[in-house]
Full PDB file with SEQRES, HELIX, SHEET, SSBOND, CRYST1, ORIGX, SCALE, CONECT and MASTER records, all heavy atoms in Angstrom:
SEQRES   1 A   43  GLN PRO GLY GLY SER LEU ARG LEU SER CYS ALA ALA SER          
SEQRES   2 A   43  GLY ARG ILE PHE THR ILE TYR ASP MET GLU TRP TYR ARG          
SEQRES   3 A   43  GLN ALA PRO GLY LYS GLN ARG GLU LEU VAL ALA SER ILE          
SEQRES   4 A   43  SER SER GLY GLY                                              
SHEET    1 AA1 2 MET A  22  ARG A  26  0                                        
SHEET    2 AA1 2 GLU A  34  ILE A  39 -1                                        
CRYST1    1.000    1.000    1.000  90.00  90.00  90.00 P 1           1          
ORIGX1      1.000000  0.000000  0.000000        0.00000                         
ORIGX2      0.000000  1.000000  0.000000        0.00000                         
ORIGX3      0.000000  0.000000  1.000000        0.00000                         
SCALE1      1.000000  0.000000  0.000000        0.00000                         
SCALE2      0.000000  1.000000  0.000000        0.00000                         
SCALE3      0.000000  0.000000  1.000000        0.00000                         
ATOM      1  N   GLN A   1    -170.592 108.503  74.533  1.00  0.00           N  
ATOM      2  CA  GLN A   1    -171.731 109.467  74.668  1.00  0.00           C  
ATOM      3  C   GLN A   1    -172.516 109.152  75.923  1.00  0.00           C  
ATOM      4  O   GLN A   1    -172.488 108.019  76.431  1.00  0.00           O  
ATOM      5  CB  GLN A   1    -172.618 109.393  73.426  1.00  0.00           C  
ATOM      6  CG  GLN A   1    -172.021 109.885  72.187  1.00  0.00           C  
ATOM      7  CD  GLN A   1    -173.016 109.838  70.971  1.00  0.00           C  
ATOM      8  OE1 GLN A   1    -173.888 109.010  70.931  1.00  0.00           O  
ATOM      9  NE2 GLN A   1    -172.784 110.728  70.055  1.00  0.00           N  
ATOM     10  N   PRO A   2    -173.228 110.129  76.468  1.00  0.00           N  
ATOM     11  CA  PRO A   2    -174.101 109.839  77.577  1.00  0.00           C  
ATOM     12  C   PRO A   2    -175.052 108.669  77.296  1.00  0.00           C  
ATOM     13  O   PRO A   2    -175.615 108.656  76.186  1.00  0.00           O  
ATOM     14  CB  PRO A   2    -174.860 111.167  77.792  1.00  0.00           C  
ATOM     15  CG  PRO A   2    -173.964 112.186  77.279  1.00  0.00           C  
ATOM     16  CD  PRO A   2    -173.257 111.551  76.101  1.00  0.00           C  
ATOM     17  N   GLY A   3    -175.226 107.794  78.247  1.00  0.00           N  
ATOM     18  CA  GLY A   3    -176.056 106.639  78.049  1.00  0.00           C  
ATOM     19  C   GLY A   3    -175.298 105.405  77.508  1.00  0.00           C  
ATOM     20  O   GLY A   3    -175.835 104.327  77.518  1.00  0.00           O  
ATOM     21  N   GLY A   4    -174.057 105.640  77.159  1.00  0.00           N  
ATOM     22  CA  GLY A   4    -173.251 104.521  76.588  1.00  0.00           C  
ATOM     23  C   GLY A   4    -172.619 103.683  77.711  1.00  0.00           C  
ATOM     24  O   GLY A   4    -172.866 103.907  78.932  1.00  0.00           O  
ATOM     25  N   SER A   5    -171.781 102.682  77.322  1.00  0.00           N  
ATOM     26  CA  SER A   5    -171.218 101.754  78.251  1.00  0.00           C  
ATOM     27  C   SER A   5    -169.758 101.605  77.956  1.00  0.00           C  
ATOM     28  O   SER A   5    -169.253 101.710  76.846  1.00  0.00           O  
ATOM     29  CB  SER A   5    -171.915 100.368  78.111  1.00  0.00           C  
ATOM     30  OG  SER A   5    -173.293 100.420  78.452  1.00  0.00           O  
ATOM     31  N   LEU A   6    -168.965 101.284  79.016  1.00  0.00           N  
ATOM     32  CA  LEU A   6    -167.601 100.909  78.947  1.00  0.00           C  
ATOM     33  C   LEU A   6    -167.260  99.812  79.964  1.00  0.00           C  
ATOM     34  O   LEU A   6    -167.986  99.680  80.973  1.00  0.00           O  
ATOM     35  CB  LEU A   6    -166.678 102.039  79.295  1.00  0.00           C  
ATOM     36  CG  LEU A   6    -166.462 103.186  78.193  1.00  0.00           C  
ATOM     37  CD1 LEU A   6    -165.650 104.264  78.761  1.00  0.00           C  
ATOM     38  CD2 LEU A   6    -165.785 102.581  76.970  1.00  0.00           C  
ATOM     39  N   ARG A   7    -166.301  98.991  79.640  1.00  0.00           N  
ATOM     40  CA  ARG A   7    -165.836  98.009  80.549  1.00  0.00           C  
ATOM     41  C   ARG A   7    -164.312  98.157  80.821  1.00  0.00           C  
ATOM     42  O   ARG A   7    -163.558  98.031  79.929  1.00  0.00           O  
ATOM     43  CB  ARG A   7    -166.120  96.572  79.986  1.00  0.00           C  
ATOM     44  CG  ARG A   7    -165.858  95.412  81.017  1.00  0.00           C  
ATOM     45  CD  ARG A   7    -165.801  94.109  80.361  1.00  0.00           C  
ATOM     46  NE  ARG A   7    -165.833  92.987  81.317  1.00  0.00           N  
ATOM     47  CZ  ARG A   7    -165.416  91.791  81.053  1.00  0.00           C  
ATOM     48  NH1 ARG A   7    -164.967  91.449  79.828  1.00  0.00           N  
ATOM     49  NH2 ARG A   7    -165.499  90.776  81.969  1.00  0.00           N  
ATOM     50  N   LEU A   8    -164.013  98.453  82.085  1.00  0.00           N  
ATOM     51  CA  LEU A   8    -162.645  98.633  82.498  1.00  0.00           C  
ATOM     52  C   LEU A   8    -162.077  97.307  83.031  1.00  0.00           C  
ATOM     53  O   LEU A   8    -162.759  96.545  83.684  1.00  0.00           O  
ATOM     54  CB  LEU A   8    -162.533  99.670  83.585  1.00  0.00           C  
ATOM     55  CG  LEU A   8    -163.101 101.066  83.249  1.00  0.00           C  
ATOM     56  CD1 LEU A   8    -162.820 102.020  84.416  1.00  0.00           C  
ATOM     57  CD2 LEU A   8    -162.534 101.632  81.968  1.00  0.00           C  
ATOM     58  N   SER A   9    -160.795  97.069  82.726  1.00  0.00           N  
ATOM     59  CA  SER A   9    -160.105  95.909  83.215  1.00  0.00           C  
ATOM     60  C   SER A   9    -158.802  96.325  83.936  1.00  0.00           C  
ATOM     61  O   SER A   9    -158.195  97.298  83.640  1.00  0.00           O  
ATOM     62  CB  SER A   9    -159.721  94.960  82.065  1.00  0.00           C  
ATOM     63  OG  SER A   9    -160.848  94.544  81.360  1.00  0.00           O  
ATOM     64  N   CYS A  10    -158.428  95.524  84.936  1.00  0.00           N  
ATOM     65  CA  CYS A  10    -157.239  95.774  85.698  1.00  0.00           C  
ATOM     66  C   CYS A  10    -156.599  94.412  86.024  1.00  0.00           C  
ATOM     67  O   CYS A  10    -157.169  93.647  86.779  1.00  0.00           O  
ATOM     68  CB  CYS A  10    -157.507  96.533  86.965  1.00  0.00           C  
ATOM     69  SG  CYS A  10    -156.090  96.756  88.029  1.00  0.00           S  
ATOM     70  N   ALA A  11    -155.449  94.127  85.343  1.00  0.00           N  
ATOM     71  CA  ALA A  11    -154.778  92.843  85.486  1.00  0.00           C  
ATOM     72  C   ALA A  11    -153.539  93.003  86.392  1.00  0.00           C  
ATOM     73  O   ALA A  11    -152.697  93.859  86.116  1.00  0.00           O  
ATOM     74  CB  ALA A  11    -154.399  92.315  84.173  1.00  0.00           C  
ATOM     75  N   ALA A  12    -153.382  92.128  87.376  1.00  0.00           N  
ATOM     76  CA  ALA A  12    -152.255  92.109  88.230  1.00  0.00           C  
ATOM     77  C   ALA A  12    -151.227  91.096  87.802  1.00  0.00           C  
ATOM     78  O   ALA A  12    -151.598  89.991  87.329  1.00  0.00           O  
ATOM     79  CB  ALA A  12    -152.675  91.796  89.698  1.00  0.00           C  
ATOM     80  N   SER A  13    -149.950  91.396  87.919  1.00  0.00           N  
ATOM     81  CA  SER A  13    -148.895  90.480  87.546  1.00  0.00           C  
ATOM     82  C   SER A  13    -147.790  90.532  88.585  1.00  0.00           C  
ATOM     83  O   SER A  13    -147.562  91.530  89.227  1.00  0.00           O  
ATOM     84  CB  SER A  13    -148.372  90.749  86.165  1.00  0.00           C  
ATOM     85  OG  SER A  13    -147.817  92.111  86.061  1.00  0.00           O  
ATOM     86  N   GLY A  14    -146.977  89.482  88.652  1.00  0.00           N  
ATOM     87  CA  GLY A  14    -145.891  89.426  89.594  1.00  0.00           C  
ATOM     88  C   GLY A  14    -145.928  88.120  90.404  1.00  0.00           C  
ATOM     89  O   GLY A  14    -146.619  87.176  89.999  1.00  0.00           O  
ATOM     90  N   ARG A  15    -145.186  88.094  91.454  1.00  0.00           N  
ATOM     91  CA  ARG A  15    -145.088  86.888  92.281  1.00  0.00           C  
ATOM     92  C   ARG A  15    -146.289  86.927  93.278  1.00  0.00           C  
ATOM     93  O   ARG A  15    -146.055  87.055  94.505  1.00  0.00           O  
ATOM     94  CB  ARG A  15    -143.759  86.794  93.003  1.00  0.00           C  
ATOM     95  CG  ARG A  15    -142.593  86.559  92.071  1.00  0.00           C  
ATOM     96  CD  ARG A  15    -141.291  86.408  92.864  1.00  0.00           C  
ATOM     97  NE  ARG A  15    -140.174  86.135  91.981  1.00  0.00           N  
ATOM     98  CZ  ARG A  15    -138.920  85.902  92.345  1.00  0.00           C  
ATOM     99  NH1 ARG A  15    -138.650  85.980  93.668  1.00  0.00           N  
ATOM    100  NH2 ARG A  15    -137.973  85.669  91.478  1.00  0.00           N  
ATOM    101  N   ILE A  16    -147.453  86.740  92.765  1.00  0.00           N  
ATOM    102  CA  ILE A  16    -148.671  86.868  93.532  1.00  0.00           C  
ATOM    103  C   ILE A  16    -149.033  85.513  94.177  1.00  0.00           C  
ATOM    104  O   ILE A  16    -149.079  84.524  93.454  1.00  0.00           O  
ATOM    105  CB  ILE A  16    -149.849  87.345  92.664  1.00  0.00           C  
ATOM    106  CG1 ILE A  16    -149.504  88.760  92.112  1.00  0.00           C  
ATOM    107  CG2 ILE A  16    -151.159  87.357  93.472  1.00  0.00           C  
ATOM    108  CD1 ILE A  16    -150.520  89.248  91.092  1.00  0.00           C  
ATOM    109  N   PHE A  17    -149.319  85.569  95.501  1.00  0.00           N  
ATOM    110  CA  PHE A  17    -149.789  84.348  96.170  1.00  0.00           C  
ATOM    111  C   PHE A  17    -151.345  84.409  96.226  1.00  0.00           C  
ATOM    112  O   PHE A  17    -151.980  83.402  95.880  1.00  0.00           O  
ATOM    113  CB  PHE A  17    -149.220  84.320  97.588  1.00  0.00           C  
ATOM    114  CG  PHE A  17    -149.669  83.063  98.331  1.00  0.00           C  
ATOM    115  CD1 PHE A  17    -149.097  81.859  98.028  1.00  0.00           C  
ATOM    116  CD2 PHE A  17    -150.604  83.102  99.352  1.00  0.00           C  
ATOM    117  CE1 PHE A  17    -149.555  80.653  98.672  1.00  0.00           C  
ATOM    118  CE2 PHE A  17    -150.983  81.986  99.990  1.00  0.00           C  
ATOM    119  CZ  PHE A  17    -150.446  80.788  99.684  1.00  0.00           C  
ATOM    120  N   THR A  18    -151.938  85.525  96.611  1.00  0.00           N  
ATOM    121  CA  THR A  18    -153.347  85.646  96.658  1.00  0.00           C  
ATOM    122  C   THR A  18    -153.726  87.132  96.643  1.00  0.00           C  
ATOM    123  O   THR A  18    -152.966  88.010  97.039  1.00  0.00           O  
ATOM    124  CB  THR A  18    -153.961  84.961  97.907  1.00  0.00           C  
ATOM    125  OG1 THR A  18    -155.397  84.915  97.756  1.00  0.00           O  
ATOM    126  CG2 THR A  18    -153.621  85.710  99.130  1.00  0.00           C  
ATOM    127  N   ILE A  19    -154.931  87.437  96.114  1.00  0.00           N  
ATOM    128  CA  ILE A  19    -155.443  88.809  96.049  1.00  0.00           C  
ATOM    129  C   ILE A  19    -156.669  88.868  96.963  1.00  0.00           C  
ATOM    130  O   ILE A  19    -157.564  88.104  96.745  1.00  0.00           O  
ATOM    131  CB  ILE A  19    -155.780  89.266  94.636  1.00  0.00           C  
ATOM    132  CG1 ILE A  19    -154.531  89.104  93.705  1.00  0.00           C  
ATOM    133  CG2 ILE A  19    -156.360  90.637  94.636  1.00  0.00           C  
ATOM    134  CD1 ILE A  19    -154.810  89.495  92.270  1.00  0.00           C  
ATOM    135  N   TYR A  20    -156.702  89.782  97.879  1.00  0.00           N  
ATOM    136  CA  TYR A  20    -157.789  89.973  98.790  1.00  0.00           C  
ATOM    137  C   TYR A  20    -158.771  90.997  98.198  1.00  0.00           C  
ATOM    138  O   TYR A  20    -159.254  90.747  97.098  1.00  0.00           O  
ATOM    139  CB  TYR A  20    -157.246  90.412 100.127  1.00  0.00           C  
ATOM    140  CG  TYR A  20    -156.380  89.374 100.794  1.00  0.00           C  
ATOM    141  CD1 TYR A  20    -155.004  89.614 100.867  1.00  0.00           C  
ATOM    142  CD2 TYR A  20    -156.936  88.147 101.311  1.00  0.00           C  
ATOM    143  CE1 TYR A  20    -154.152  88.607 101.472  1.00  0.00           C  
ATOM    144  CE2 TYR A  20    -156.051  87.240 101.890  1.00  0.00           C  
ATOM    145  CZ  TYR A  20    -154.679  87.439 101.982  1.00  0.00           C  
ATOM    146  OH  TYR A  20    -153.875  86.501 102.527  1.00  0.00           O  
ATOM    147  N   ASP A  21    -159.057  92.088  98.909  1.00  0.00           N  
ATOM    148  CA  ASP A  21    -160.005  93.047  98.400  1.00  0.00           C  
ATOM    149  C   ASP A  21    -159.469  93.771  97.117  1.00  0.00           C  
ATOM    150  O   ASP A  21    -158.277  94.099  97.034  1.00  0.00           O  
ATOM    151  CB  ASP A  21    -160.382  94.094  99.456  1.00  0.00           C  
ATOM    152  CG  ASP A  21    -161.080  93.500 100.584  1.00  0.00           C  
ATOM    153  OD1 ASP A  21    -161.395  92.303 100.565  1.00  0.00           O  
ATOM    154  OD2 ASP A  21    -161.283  94.226 101.637  1.00  0.00           O  
ATOM    155  N   MET A  22    -160.374  94.104  96.180  1.00  0.00           N  
ATOM    156  CA  MET A  22    -160.017  94.891  95.029  1.00  0.00           C  
ATOM    157  C   MET A  22    -161.044  96.020  94.883  1.00  0.00           C  
ATOM    158  O   MET A  22    -162.235  95.800  95.205  1.00  0.00           O  
ATOM    159  CB  MET A  22    -160.036  93.929  93.747  1.00  0.00           C  
ATOM    160  CG  MET A  22    -159.177  92.735  93.853  1.00  0.00           C  
ATOM    161  SD  MET A  22    -159.086  91.776  92.306  1.00  0.00           S  
ATOM    162  CE  MET A  22    -157.850  92.741  91.412  1.00  0.00           C  
ATOM    163  N   GLU A  23    -160.603  97.135  94.449  1.00  0.00           N  
ATOM    164  CA  GLU A  23    -161.372  98.328  94.460  1.00  0.00           C  
ATOM    165  C   GLU A  23    -161.141  99.170  93.206  1.00  0.00           C  
ATOM    166  O   GLU A  23    -160.074  99.107  92.568  1.00  0.00           O  
ATOM    167  CB  GLU A  23    -161.125  99.221  95.668  1.00  0.00           C  
ATOM    168  CG  GLU A  23    -161.413  98.525  96.968  1.00  0.00           C  
ATOM    169  CD  GLU A  23    -161.029  99.395  98.222  1.00  0.00           C  
ATOM    170  OE1 GLU A  23    -159.934 100.054  98.127  1.00  0.00           O  
ATOM    171  OE2 GLU A  23    -161.785  99.400  99.187  1.00  0.00           O  
ATOM    172  N   TRP A  24    -162.141 100.015  92.820  1.00  0.00           N  
ATOM    173  CA  TRP A  24    -162.017 100.949  91.778  1.00  0.00           C  
ATOM    174  C   TRP A  24    -162.281 102.372  92.383  1.00  0.00           C  
ATOM    175  O   TRP A  24    -163.262 102.566  93.102  1.00  0.00           O  
ATOM    176  CB  TRP A  24    -163.029 100.790  90.633  1.00  0.00           C  
ATOM    177  CG  TRP A  24    -162.664  99.664  89.723  1.00  0.00           C  
ATOM    178  CD1 TRP A  24    -163.131  98.378  89.789  1.00  0.00           C  
ATOM    179  CD2 TRP A  24    -161.754  99.720  88.652  1.00  0.00           C  
ATOM    180  NE1 TRP A  24    -162.604  97.619  88.761  1.00  0.00           N  
ATOM    181  CE2 TRP A  24    -161.748  98.435  88.054  1.00  0.00           C  
ATOM    182  CE3 TRP A  24    -160.971 100.719  88.078  1.00  0.00           C  
ATOM    183  CZ2 TRP A  24    -160.983  98.106  86.918  1.00  0.00           C  
ATOM    184  CZ3 TRP A  24    -160.190 100.397  86.980  1.00  0.00           C  
ATOM    185  CH2 TRP A  24    -160.201  99.118  86.379  1.00  0.00           C  
ATOM    186  N   TYR A  25    -161.318 103.278  92.128  1.00  0.00           N  
ATOM    187  CA  TYR A  25    -161.461 104.709  92.506  1.00  0.00           C  
ATOM    188  C   TYR A  25    -161.517 105.561  91.244  1.00  0.00           C  
ATOM    189  O   TYR A  25    -161.183 105.075  90.138  1.00  0.00           O  
ATOM    190  CB  TYR A  25    -160.271 105.149  93.292  1.00  0.00           C  
ATOM    191  CG  TYR A  25    -160.186 104.644  94.774  1.00  0.00           C  
ATOM    192  CD1 TYR A  25    -159.819 103.336  95.035  1.00  0.00           C  
ATOM    193  CD2 TYR A  25    -160.563 105.472  95.872  1.00  0.00           C  
ATOM    194  CE1 TYR A  25    -159.766 102.848  96.354  1.00  0.00           C  
ATOM    195  CE2 TYR A  25    -160.500 105.033  97.134  1.00  0.00           C  
ATOM    196  CZ  TYR A  25    -160.080 103.727  97.365  1.00  0.00           C  
ATOM    197  OH  TYR A  25    -160.002 103.257  98.674  1.00  0.00           O  
ATOM    198  N   ARG A  26    -161.956 106.816  91.413  1.00  0.00           N  
ATOM    199  CA  ARG A  26    -161.920 107.766  90.256  1.00  0.00           C  
ATOM    200  C   ARG A  26    -161.587 109.148  90.825  1.00  0.00           C  
ATOM    201  O   ARG A  26    -161.912 109.466  91.968  1.00  0.00           O  
ATOM    202  CB  ARG A  26    -163.202 107.719  89.482  1.00  0.00           C  
ATOM    203  CG  ARG A  26    -164.407 108.287  90.204  1.00  0.00           C  
ATOM    204  CD  ARG A  26    -165.677 108.168  89.424  1.00  0.00           C  
ATOM    205  NE  ARG A  26    -166.855 108.728  90.071  1.00  0.00           N  
ATOM    206  CZ  ARG A  26    -168.046 108.584  89.596  1.00  0.00           C  
ATOM    207  NH1 ARG A  26    -168.288 107.973  88.502  1.00  0.00           N  
ATOM    208  NH2 ARG A  26    -169.090 109.136  90.271  1.00  0.00           N  
ATOM    209  N   GLN A  27    -161.016 109.942  89.964  1.00  0.00           N  
ATOM    210  CA  GLN A  27    -160.670 111.310  90.308  1.00  0.00           C  
ATOM    211  C   GLN A  27    -160.866 112.186  89.108  1.00  0.00           C  
ATOM    212  O   GLN A  27    -160.228 112.036  88.032  1.00  0.00           O  
ATOM    213  CB  GLN A  27    -159.186 111.401  90.757  1.00  0.00           C  
ATOM    214  CG  GLN A  27    -158.803 112.767  91.319  1.00  0.00           C  
ATOM    215  CD  GLN A  27    -157.484 112.811  92.031  1.00  0.00           C  
ATOM    216  OE1 GLN A  27    -156.645 111.921  91.763  1.00  0.00           O  
ATOM    217  NE2 GLN A  27    -157.285 113.700  92.952  1.00  0.00           N  
ATOM    218  N   ALA A  28    -161.743 113.209  89.270  1.00  0.00           N  
ATOM    219  CA  ALA A  28    -162.062 114.177  88.286  1.00  0.00           C  
ATOM    220  C   ALA A  28    -161.176 115.442  88.516  1.00  0.00           C  
ATOM    221  O   ALA A  28    -160.753 115.659  89.642  1.00  0.00           O  
ATOM    222  CB  ALA A  28    -163.534 114.534  88.233  1.00  0.00           C  
ATOM    223  N   PRO A  29    -160.945 116.276  87.416  1.00  0.00           N  
ATOM    224  CA  PRO A  29    -160.142 117.472  87.628  1.00  0.00           C  
ATOM    225  C   PRO A  29    -160.730 118.364  88.711  1.00  0.00           C  
ATOM    226  O   PRO A  29    -161.938 118.593  88.723  1.00  0.00           O  
ATOM    227  CB  PRO A  29    -160.199 118.126  86.263  1.00  0.00           C  
ATOM    228  CG  PRO A  29    -160.418 116.963  85.321  1.00  0.00           C  
ATOM    229  CD  PRO A  29    -161.306 116.043  86.043  1.00  0.00           C  
ATOM    230  N   GLY A  30    -159.906 118.798  89.655  1.00  0.00           N  
ATOM    231  CA  GLY A  30    -160.321 119.716  90.713  1.00  0.00           C  
ATOM    232  C   GLY A  30    -161.104 119.025  91.846  1.00  0.00           C  
ATOM    233  O   GLY A  30    -161.561 119.725  92.759  1.00  0.00           O  
ATOM    234  N   LYS A  31    -161.210 117.682  91.807  1.00  0.00           N  
ATOM    235  CA  LYS A  31    -161.920 117.000  92.848  1.00  0.00           C  
ATOM    236  C   LYS A  31    -161.018 115.927  93.473  1.00  0.00           C  
ATOM    237  O   LYS A  31    -160.000 115.516  92.941  1.00  0.00           O  
ATOM    238  CB  LYS A  31    -163.170 116.288  92.279  1.00  0.00           C  
ATOM    239  CG  LYS A  31    -164.183 117.261  91.677  1.00  0.00           C  
ATOM    240  CD  LYS A  31    -165.413 116.499  91.148  1.00  0.00           C  
ATOM    241  CE  LYS A  31    -166.174 115.838  92.257  1.00  0.00           C  
ATOM    242  NZ  LYS A  31    -167.406 115.160  91.773  1.00  0.00           N  
ATOM    243  N   GLN A  32    -161.406 115.548  94.717  1.00  0.00           N  
ATOM    244  CA  GLN A  32    -160.676 114.525  95.437  1.00  0.00           C  
ATOM    245  C   GLN A  32    -160.988 113.125  94.802  1.00  0.00           C  
ATOM    246  O   GLN A  32    -161.996 112.841  94.231  1.00  0.00           O  
ATOM    247  CB  GLN A  32    -160.994 114.525  96.917  1.00  0.00           C  
ATOM    248  CG  GLN A  32    -160.626 115.787  97.637  1.00  0.00           C  
ATOM    249  CD  GLN A  32    -160.928 115.717  99.141  1.00  0.00           C  
ATOM    250  OE1 GLN A  32    -161.548 114.754  99.598  1.00  0.00           O  
ATOM    251  NE2 GLN A  32    -160.462 116.730  99.856  1.00  0.00           N  
ATOM    252  N   ARG A  33    -160.018 112.218  95.037  1.00  0.00           N  
ATOM    253  CA  ARG A  33    -160.229 110.833  94.575  1.00  0.00           C  
ATOM    254  C   ARG A  33    -161.290 110.193  95.476  1.00  0.00           C  
ATOM    255  O   ARG A  33    -161.254 110.345  96.725  1.00  0.00           O  
ATOM    256  CB  ARG A  33    -158.862 110.044  94.672  1.00  0.00           C  
ATOM    257  CG  ARG A  33    -158.953 108.630  94.109  1.00  0.00           C  
ATOM    258  CD  ARG A  33    -157.584 108.010  94.045  1.00  0.00           C  
ATOM    259  NE  ARG A  33    -156.692 108.762  93.218  1.00  0.00           N  
ATOM    260  CZ  ARG A  33    -155.417 108.350  92.882  1.00  0.00           C  
ATOM    261  NH1 ARG A  33    -155.032 107.199  93.361  1.00  0.00           N  
ATOM    262  NH2 ARG A  33    -154.690 109.078  92.111  1.00  0.00           N  
ATOM    263  N   GLU A  34    -162.191 109.468  94.848  1.00  0.00           N  
ATOM    264  CA  GLU A  34    -163.339 108.854  95.566  1.00  0.00           C  
ATOM    265  C   GLU A  34    -163.435 107.376  95.217  1.00  0.00           C  
ATOM    266  O   GLU A  34    -163.099 106.931  94.120  1.00  0.00           O  
ATOM    267  CB  GLU A  34    -164.618 109.552  95.258  1.00  0.00           C  
ATOM    268  CG  GLU A  34    -165.054 109.451  93.822  1.00  0.00           C  
ATOM    269  CD  GLU A  34    -166.414 110.020  93.569  1.00  0.00           C  
ATOM    270  OE1 GLU A  34    -167.167 110.295  94.551  1.00  0.00           O  
ATOM    271  OE2 GLU A  34    -166.824 110.254  92.379  1.00  0.00           O  
ATOM    272  N   LEU A  35    -163.899 106.619  96.217  1.00  0.00           N  
ATOM    273  CA  LEU A  35    -164.130 105.170  96.005  1.00  0.00           C  
ATOM    274  C   LEU A  35    -165.396 104.979  95.244  1.00  0.00           C  
ATOM    275  O   LEU A  35    -166.478 105.470  95.610  1.00  0.00           O  
ATOM    276  CB  LEU A  35    -164.221 104.493  97.358  1.00  0.00           C  
ATOM    277  CG  LEU A  35    -164.477 102.991  97.354  1.00  0.00           C  
ATOM    278  CD1 LEU A  35    -163.349 102.230  96.659  1.00  0.00           C  
ATOM    279  CD2 LEU A  35    -164.740 102.447  98.806  1.00  0.00           C  
ATOM    280  N   VAL A  36    -165.329 104.179  94.142  1.00  0.00           N  
ATOM    281  CA  VAL A  36    -166.479 103.895  93.290  1.00  0.00           C  
ATOM    282  C   VAL A  36    -167.077 102.602  93.658  1.00  0.00           C  
ATOM    283  O   VAL A  36    -168.301 102.473  93.758  1.00  0.00           O  
ATOM    284  CB  VAL A  36    -166.016 103.903  91.809  1.00  0.00           C  
ATOM    285  CG1 VAL A  36    -167.199 103.574  90.914  1.00  0.00           C  
ATOM    286  CG2 VAL A  36    -165.500 105.315  91.429  1.00  0.00           C  
ATOM    287  N   ALA A  37    -166.274 101.507  93.762  1.00  0.00           N  
ATOM    288  CA  ALA A  37    -166.796 100.180  93.975  1.00  0.00           C  
ATOM    289  C   ALA A  37    -165.686  99.352  94.569  1.00  0.00           C  
ATOM    290  O   ALA A  37    -164.535  99.564  94.350  1.00  0.00           O  
ATOM    291  CB  ALA A  37    -167.323  99.586  92.652  1.00  0.00           C  
ATOM    292  N   SER A  38    -166.126  98.325  95.328  1.00  0.00           N  
ATOM    293  CA  SER A  38    -165.173  97.400  95.935  1.00  0.00           C  
ATOM    294  C   SER A  38    -165.735  95.977  95.897  1.00  0.00           C  
ATOM    295  O   SER A  38    -166.955  95.804  95.875  1.00  0.00           O  
ATOM    296  CB  SER A  38    -164.785  97.825  97.374  1.00  0.00           C  
ATOM    297  OG  SER A  38    -165.938  97.764  98.195  1.00  0.00           O  
ATOM    298  N   ILE A  39    -164.845  94.982  95.864  1.00  0.00           N  
ATOM    299  CA  ILE A  39    -165.228  93.626  95.930  1.00  0.00           C  
ATOM    300  C   ILE A  39    -164.266  92.876  96.823  1.00  0.00           C  
ATOM    301  O   ILE A  39    -163.057  92.972  96.674  1.00  0.00           O  
ATOM    302  CB  ILE A  39    -165.351  92.996  94.519  1.00  0.00           C  
ATOM    303  CG1 ILE A  39    -165.853  91.514  94.630  1.00  0.00           C  
ATOM    304  CG2 ILE A  39    -163.994  93.063  93.833  1.00  0.00           C  
ATOM    305  CD1 ILE A  39    -166.227  90.950  93.209  1.00  0.00           C  
ATOM    306  N   SER A  40    -164.807  92.125  97.794  1.00  0.00           N  
ATOM    307  CA  SER A  40    -163.985  91.384  98.771  1.00  0.00           C  
ATOM    308  C   SER A  40    -163.567  90.060  98.229  1.00  0.00           C  
ATOM    309  O   SER A  40    -164.035  89.570  97.218  1.00  0.00           O  
ATOM    310  CB  SER A  40    -164.735  91.235 100.104  1.00  0.00           C  
ATOM    311  OG  SER A  40    -165.785  90.318  99.923  1.00  0.00           O  
ATOM    312  N   SER A  41    -162.655  89.417  98.933  1.00  0.00           N  
ATOM    313  CA  SER A  41    -162.229  88.054  98.548  1.00  0.00           C  
ATOM    314  C   SER A  41    -163.350  87.088  98.664  1.00  0.00           C  
ATOM    315  O   SER A  41    -163.358  86.059  97.930  1.00  0.00           O  
ATOM    316  CB  SER A  41    -161.081  87.603  99.452  1.00  0.00           C  
ATOM    317  OG  SER A  41    -161.453  87.578 100.806  1.00  0.00           O  
ATOM    318  N   GLY A  42    -164.373  87.350  99.432  1.00  0.00           N  
ATOM    319  CA  GLY A  42    -165.533  86.502  99.568  1.00  0.00           C  
ATOM    320  C   GLY A  42    -166.665  86.794  98.579  1.00  0.00           C  
ATOM    321  O   GLY A  42    -167.665  86.141  98.537  1.00  0.00           O  
ATOM    322  N   GLY A  43    -166.406  87.816  97.707  1.00  0.00           N  
ATOM    323  CA  GLY A  43    -167.374  88.180  96.682  1.00  0.00           C  
ATOM    324  C   GLY A  43    -168.326  89.256  97.016  1.00  0.00           C  
ATOM    325  O   GLY A  43    -169.154  89.654  96.168  1.00  0.00           O  
TER     326      GLY A  43                                                      
MASTER        0    0    0    0    2    0    0    6  325    1    0    4          
END                                                                             
């Protein structure tokens, strides 16, 4: 409902050495995909 909360998770798997920048995008029907938030390797 409006005013509520959710927590999204995204887990990476594979032969990973290191992960640099990580980002969240979103796309609504009829709209272009947009950048929501990003976090760099430095935080």
